[in-house]
Protein backbone atom coordinates (compact mmCIF):
# COMPACT_ATOMS: atom_id res chain seq x y z
CA MET A 1 97.04 88.76 80.87
CA CYS A 2 95.30 87.73 84.09
CA PHE A 3 97.12 87.67 87.41
CA ARG A 4 94.25 86.08 89.29
CA PRO A 5 95.12 82.70 90.86
CA ALA A 6 93.86 79.81 88.74
CA ASP A 7 91.69 78.37 91.54
CA VAL A 8 89.65 81.57 92.01
CA LYS A 9 86.77 82.03 89.60
CA ALA A 10 85.14 85.37 88.88
CA GLN A 11 81.67 85.53 90.35
CA ALA A 12 78.70 87.14 88.69
CA ASN A 13 76.94 90.01 90.40
CA ILE A 14 73.24 89.15 90.05
CA CYS A 15 70.74 91.99 90.37
CA PRO A 16 68.24 91.32 93.20
CA ALA A 17 65.55 93.35 91.39
CA CYS A 18 65.60 91.94 87.85
CA GLY A 19 68.00 88.97 88.00
CA ALA A 20 70.36 90.33 85.33
CA GLU A 21 74.02 89.33 85.44
CA ASN A 22 76.37 92.30 85.87
CA LEU A 23 80.11 92.85 86.06
CA GLU A 24 81.75 91.44 89.17
CA TYR A 25 82.11 94.72 91.05
CA ALA A 26 79.33 96.80 89.46
CA ALA A 27 77.48 99.09 91.88
CA ILE A 28 74.39 99.63 89.68
CA CYS A 29 72.55 97.11 87.48
CA ASP A 30 73.12 97.68 83.76
CA SER A 31 69.57 96.51 82.97
CA CYS A 32 67.29 98.19 85.51
CA GLY A 33 69.52 100.65 87.42
CA ALA A 34 68.94 99.05 90.82
CA GLU A 35 71.70 99.28 93.44
CA LEU A 36 73.75 96.09 93.69
CA ASP A 37 75.15 94.54 96.86
CA GLY A 38 78.35 93.19 95.27
CA PRO A 39 79.40 89.70 94.18
CA SER A 40 77.67 86.87 95.99
CA GLY A 41 80.93 85.47 97.39
CA ASP A 42 82.06 88.56 99.29
CA THR A 43 83.15 88.32 102.90
CA ALA A 44 82.61 90.89 105.65
CA ASP A 45 85.94 92.62 104.91
CA GLY A 46 85.09 93.05 101.22
CA ALA A 47 87.55 90.48 99.85
CA PRO A 48 86.05 87.77 97.63
CA LEU A 49 86.05 84.25 99.00
CA GLY A 50 89.19 82.28 98.17
CA ILE A 51 91.47 85.30 98.19
CA PRO A 52 93.27 85.71 101.51
CA THR A 53 93.57 89.19 102.94
CA PRO A 54 97.16 90.40 103.31
CA PRO A 55 98.64 90.50 106.81
CA GLY A 56 99.19 93.82 108.53
CA ALA A 57 102.48 95.66 108.32
CA PRO A 58 105.25 94.49 110.66
CA ALA A 59 106.07 96.60 113.69
CA ALA A 60 108.77 99.22 113.31
CA PRO A 61 112.19 98.14 114.59
CA LYS A 62 113.37 99.52 117.91
CA ALA A 63 116.01 102.21 117.96
CA PRO A 64 119.52 100.88 118.51
CA SER A 65 120.93 101.34 121.98
CA ALA A 66 124.02 103.43 122.60
CA PRO A 67 127.24 101.50 123.18
CA LYS A 68 128.19 101.09 126.81
CA ALA A 69 131.33 102.86 127.89
CA SER A 70 134.05 100.50 128.99
CA LEU A 71 135.83 101.36 132.18
CA GLY A 72 139.26 100.11 131.99
């Protein structure tokens, strides 16, 4: 079962040394052993194109204030 969104296609990781097609996130070429850069559609943050990066965590809530004493 694949949980990848339907509009995102897996991208081949082509070896720059020999041109062989490798698994999407392989670090070393299966054919020649050369180091691979990663899939061709990667962005600077490492996420493949078409997949949005998740937003950061929300800020922690502030501590509740103490009830004010009523004079009366």
